[in-house]
């Protein structure tokens, strides 16, 4: 399974600080030090890796800008057996 991410230019540092704050609390035991954190917004996923690469290439070759304000987030569980699903309560940021 491949995930397709948008990585911010503006707000990159704020997302890193948010990540660090989240993993100081209840999620501290879940922090993966073996995988570097790259701030991102997931915009898609596909089990067909070549198709995911094509989608990613198309996004990267286009000239666009997305502006948004992150005011809430939620944790999802991703597994091979189940569709992605929300776990726990949402977290208000605004």
N, C-alpha and C. Protein backbone atom coordinates (compact mmCIF):
# COMPACT_ATOMS: atom_id res chain seq x y z
N UNK A 1 0.85 -1.17 0.00
CA UNK A 1 0.00 0.00 0.00
C UNK A 1 0.89 1.23 0.00
N UNK A 2 0.59 2.15 -0.89
CA UNK A 2 1.34 3.40 -0.98
C UNK A 2 0.44 4.54 -0.55
N UNK A 3 1.02 5.47 0.17
CA UNK A 3 0.29 6.68 0.57
C UNK A 3 0.82 7.86 -0.22
N UNK A 4 -0.08 8.75 -0.57
CA UNK A 4 0.27 9.94 -1.35
C UNK A 4 0.14 11.14 -0.41
N UNK A 5 1.24 11.87 -0.26
CA UNK A 5 1.31 12.96 0.70
C UNK A 5 1.50 14.30 -0.01
N UNK A 6 1.01 15.34 0.61
CA UNK A 6 1.41 16.70 0.30
C UNK A 6 2.29 17.15 1.45
N UNK A 7 3.46 17.69 1.14
CA UNK A 7 4.40 18.15 2.15
C UNK A 7 4.43 19.68 2.10
N UNK A 8 4.14 20.34 3.22
CA UNK A 8 4.02 21.80 3.19
C UNK A 8 5.37 22.50 3.10
N UNK A 9 5.35 23.66 2.48
CA UNK A 9 6.49 24.56 2.51
C UNK A 9 6.28 25.49 3.71
N UNK A 10 5.18 26.23 3.68
CA UNK A 10 4.83 27.05 4.84
C UNK A 10 4.14 26.16 5.87
N UNK A 11 4.44 26.36 7.12
CA UNK A 11 3.81 25.57 8.17
C UNK A 11 4.57 24.30 8.52
N UNK A 12 5.66 24.03 7.82
CA UNK A 12 6.45 22.81 8.05
C UNK A 12 6.89 22.73 9.52
N UNK A 13 7.47 23.81 10.01
CA UNK A 13 7.97 23.85 11.39
C UNK A 13 6.86 23.70 12.41
N UNK A 14 5.71 24.33 12.15
CA UNK A 14 4.59 24.23 13.07
C UNK A 14 4.09 22.79 13.15
N UNK A 15 4.09 22.08 12.02
CA UNK A 15 3.64 20.69 12.02
C UNK A 15 4.63 19.80 12.78
N UNK A 16 5.92 20.09 12.67
CA UNK A 16 6.93 19.33 13.42
C UNK A 16 6.71 19.55 14.92
N UNK A 17 6.47 20.79 15.32
CA UNK A 17 6.24 21.07 16.74
C UNK A 17 4.95 20.39 17.24
N UNK A 18 3.90 20.38 16.43
CA UNK A 18 2.67 19.69 16.80
C UNK A 18 2.93 18.20 16.98
N UNK A 19 3.65 17.60 16.05
CA UNK A 19 4.02 16.18 16.13
C UNK A 19 4.75 15.91 17.45
N UNK A 20 5.72 16.75 17.76
CA UNK A 20 6.50 16.56 18.98
C UNK A 20 5.62 16.68 20.23
N UNK A 21 4.70 17.64 20.23
CA UNK A 21 3.78 17.78 21.37
C UNK A 21 2.89 16.56 21.52
N UNK A 22 2.37 16.04 20.42
CA UNK A 22 1.48 14.87 20.48
C UNK A 22 2.19 13.66 21.07
N UNK A 23 3.46 13.49 20.73
CA UNK A 23 4.19 12.32 21.20
C UNK A 23 4.84 12.52 22.57
N UNK A 24 4.58 13.63 23.23
CA UNK A 24 4.98 13.80 24.63
C UNK A 24 3.86 13.36 25.55
N UNK A 25 2.66 13.21 25.03
CA UNK A 25 1.49 12.87 25.83
C UNK A 25 1.16 11.39 25.77
N UNK A 26 -0.12 11.11 25.57
CA UNK A 26 -0.61 9.74 25.58
C UNK A 26 0.01 8.86 24.51
N UNK A 27 0.50 9.46 23.44
CA UNK A 27 1.07 8.69 22.35
C UNK A 27 2.58 8.44 22.50
N UNK A 28 3.17 8.84 23.61
CA UNK A 28 4.63 8.75 23.78
C UNK A 28 5.16 7.35 23.51
N UNK A 29 4.45 6.33 23.94
CA UNK A 29 4.92 4.94 23.76
C UNK A 29 4.86 4.50 22.30
N UNK A 30 4.12 5.25 21.47
CA UNK A 30 3.96 4.89 20.05
C UNK A 30 4.96 5.57 19.13
N UNK A 31 5.79 6.46 19.66
CA UNK A 31 6.74 7.20 18.83
C UNK A 31 7.73 6.25 18.17
N UNK A 32 7.83 6.35 16.84
CA UNK A 32 8.76 5.51 16.08
C UNK A 32 10.03 6.32 15.80
N UNK A 33 11.10 5.98 16.46
CA UNK A 33 12.37 6.67 16.23
C UNK A 33 13.11 6.12 15.03
N UNK A 34 12.67 4.97 14.51
CA UNK A 34 13.32 4.35 13.37
C UNK A 34 12.82 4.91 12.03
N UNK A 35 11.78 5.74 12.07
CA UNK A 35 11.22 6.34 10.87
C UNK A 35 11.24 7.85 11.04
N UNK A 36 11.96 8.57 10.17
CA UNK A 36 11.97 10.03 10.33
C UNK A 36 10.59 10.61 10.04
N UNK A 37 10.20 11.61 10.82
CA UNK A 37 8.91 12.26 10.62
C UNK A 37 9.03 13.33 9.54
N UNK A 38 8.17 13.25 8.55
CA UNK A 38 8.07 14.28 7.52
C UNK A 38 6.66 14.85 7.62
N UNK A 39 6.51 16.13 7.97
CA UNK A 39 5.18 16.72 8.05
C UNK A 39 4.47 16.56 6.71
N UNK A 40 3.22 16.15 6.77
CA UNK A 40 2.49 15.91 5.53
C UNK A 40 0.99 15.87 5.78
N UNK A 41 0.26 15.98 4.70
CA UNK A 41 -1.18 15.75 4.69
C UNK A 41 -1.40 14.62 3.69
N UNK A 42 -2.01 13.54 4.14
CA UNK A 42 -2.27 12.41 3.26
C UNK A 42 -3.46 12.74 2.37
N UNK A 43 -3.27 12.62 1.06
CA UNK A 43 -4.35 12.92 0.12
C UNK A 43 -4.83 11.68 -0.64
N UNK A 44 -4.16 10.55 -0.43
CA UNK A 44 -4.59 9.34 -1.11
C UNK A 44 -3.78 8.15 -0.70
N UNK A 45 -4.29 6.99 -1.09
CA UNK A 45 -3.59 5.73 -0.86
C UNK A 45 -4.03 4.76 -1.95
N UNK A 46 -3.16 3.84 -2.29
CA UNK A 46 -3.48 2.88 -3.34
C UNK A 46 -2.66 1.62 -3.12
N UNK A 47 -3.26 0.48 -3.35
CA UNK A 47 -2.54 -0.79 -3.25
C UNK A 47 -1.74 -1.05 -4.53
N UNK A 48 -2.06 -0.36 -5.59
CA UNK A 48 -1.35 -0.47 -6.87
C UNK A 48 -0.21 0.55 -6.86
N UNK A 49 1.01 0.10 -6.54
CA UNK A 49 2.13 1.02 -6.36
C UNK A 49 2.45 1.82 -7.62
N UNK A 50 2.47 1.21 -8.82
CA UNK A 50 2.71 2.04 -10.02
C UNK A 50 1.64 3.12 -10.22
N UNK A 51 0.40 2.80 -9.92
CA UNK A 51 -0.66 3.80 -10.04
C UNK A 51 -0.46 4.93 -9.04
N UNK A 52 -0.09 4.59 -7.81
CA UNK A 52 0.18 5.62 -6.80
C UNK A 52 1.33 6.52 -7.25
N UNK A 53 2.34 5.94 -7.84
CA UNK A 53 3.48 6.72 -8.35
C UNK A 53 3.03 7.65 -9.47
N UNK A 54 2.18 7.18 -10.35
CA UNK A 54 1.66 8.02 -11.43
C UNK A 54 0.86 9.19 -10.87
N UNK A 55 0.02 8.92 -9.89
CA UNK A 55 -0.76 9.99 -9.27
C UNK A 55 0.17 11.01 -8.62
N UNK A 56 1.14 10.52 -7.88
CA UNK A 56 2.11 11.41 -7.22
C UNK A 56 2.87 12.24 -8.24
N UNK A 57 3.31 11.62 -9.32
CA UNK A 57 4.04 12.35 -10.38
C UNK A 57 3.16 13.43 -11.00
N UNK A 58 1.87 13.10 -11.23
CA UNK A 58 0.95 14.09 -11.80
C UNK A 58 0.76 15.27 -10.86
N UNK A 59 0.63 15.00 -9.58
CA UNK A 59 0.50 16.09 -8.61
C UNK A 59 1.76 16.95 -8.61
N UNK A 60 2.93 16.29 -8.59
CA UNK A 60 4.19 17.02 -8.52
C UNK A 60 4.49 17.82 -9.78
N UNK A 61 3.96 17.40 -10.93
CA UNK A 61 4.24 18.12 -12.18
C UNK A 61 3.28 19.28 -12.41
N UNK A 62 2.25 19.38 -11.59
CA UNK A 62 1.30 20.48 -11.77
C UNK A 62 1.72 21.67 -10.91
N UNK A 63 1.31 22.84 -11.35
CA UNK A 63 1.64 24.06 -10.63
C UNK A 63 0.40 24.50 -9.87
N UNK A 64 0.35 24.18 -8.59
CA UNK A 64 -0.82 24.53 -7.81
C UNK A 64 -0.39 24.91 -6.40
N UNK A 65 -1.30 25.54 -5.72
CA UNK A 65 -1.06 25.91 -4.32
C UNK A 65 -2.33 25.62 -3.54
N UNK A 66 -2.16 25.02 -2.40
CA UNK A 66 -3.28 24.75 -1.51
C UNK A 66 -3.03 25.49 -0.22
N UNK A 67 -4.02 26.24 0.20
CA UNK A 67 -3.92 26.92 1.48
C UNK A 67 -5.01 26.37 2.38
N UNK A 68 -4.62 26.03 3.60
CA UNK A 68 -5.60 25.55 4.56
C UNK A 68 -5.13 25.86 5.96
N UNK A 69 -6.06 25.79 6.87
CA UNK A 69 -5.79 25.99 8.28
C UNK A 69 -6.13 24.69 8.98
N UNK A 70 -5.18 24.13 9.67
CA UNK A 70 -5.39 22.88 10.38
C UNK A 70 -5.98 23.19 11.75
N UNK A 71 -7.25 22.82 11.96
CA UNK A 71 -7.88 23.14 13.24
C UNK A 71 -8.34 21.91 14.00
N UNK A 72 -8.22 20.73 13.38
CA UNK A 72 -8.61 19.50 14.07
C UNK A 72 -7.88 18.34 13.41
N UNK A 73 -7.52 17.38 14.22
CA UNK A 73 -6.94 16.17 13.65
C UNK A 73 -7.47 14.97 14.40
N UNK A 74 -7.33 13.82 13.77
CA UNK A 74 -7.72 12.60 14.43
C UNK A 74 -6.76 11.50 14.03
N UNK A 75 -6.66 10.51 14.89
CA UNK A 75 -5.76 9.38 14.67
C UNK A 75 -6.54 8.28 13.98
N UNK A 76 -5.92 7.70 12.95
CA UNK A 76 -6.55 6.58 12.26
C UNK A 76 -5.67 5.35 12.41
N UNK A 77 -6.32 4.22 12.39
CA UNK A 77 -5.61 2.94 12.39
C UNK A 77 -5.60 2.44 10.95
N UNK A 78 -4.42 2.10 10.47
CA UNK A 78 -4.28 1.58 9.12
C UNK A 78 -3.82 0.13 9.24
N UNK A 79 -4.59 -0.76 8.65
CA UNK A 79 -4.22 -2.17 8.72
C UNK A 79 -4.60 -2.85 7.41
N UNK A 80 -3.98 -3.98 7.17
CA UNK A 80 -4.28 -4.76 5.97
C UNK A 80 -5.66 -5.39 6.05
N UNK A 81 -6.11 -5.73 7.26
CA UNK A 81 -7.37 -6.44 7.44
C UNK A 81 -8.59 -5.51 7.36
N UNK A 82 -8.46 -4.28 7.84
CA UNK A 82 -9.60 -3.38 7.93
C UNK A 82 -9.36 -2.12 7.11
N UNK A 83 -10.44 -1.50 6.73
CA UNK A 83 -10.32 -0.17 6.13
C UNK A 83 -9.80 0.78 7.19
N UNK A 84 -9.16 1.85 6.76
CA UNK A 84 -8.68 2.85 7.72
C UNK A 84 -9.86 3.29 8.58
N UNK A 85 -9.62 3.41 9.88
CA UNK A 85 -10.71 3.83 10.74
C UNK A 85 -10.19 4.74 11.84
N UNK A 86 -11.05 5.66 12.23
CA UNK A 86 -10.73 6.57 13.32
C UNK A 86 -10.65 5.81 14.62
N UNK A 87 -9.66 6.16 15.42
CA UNK A 87 -9.58 5.62 16.77
C UNK A 87 -9.41 6.80 17.73
N UNK A 88 -10.14 6.78 18.80
CA UNK A 88 -10.05 7.87 19.77
C UNK A 88 -10.81 9.10 19.33
N UNK A 89 -10.76 10.09 20.15
CA UNK A 89 -11.46 11.34 19.91
C UNK A 89 -10.63 12.25 19.01
N UNK A 90 -11.27 13.17 18.35
CA UNK A 90 -10.53 14.16 17.56
C UNK A 90 -9.86 15.14 18.51
N UNK A 91 -8.85 15.81 18.01
CA UNK A 91 -8.10 16.79 18.80
C UNK A 91 -8.29 18.15 18.16
N UNK A 92 -8.85 19.07 18.92
CA UNK A 92 -9.07 20.43 18.42
C UNK A 92 -7.78 21.22 18.55
N UNK A 93 -7.40 21.94 17.50
CA UNK A 93 -6.16 22.71 17.49
C UNK A 93 -6.42 24.21 17.47
N UNK A 94 -7.67 24.59 17.28
CA UNK A 94 -7.94 26.01 17.13
C UNK A 94 -8.82 26.57 18.19
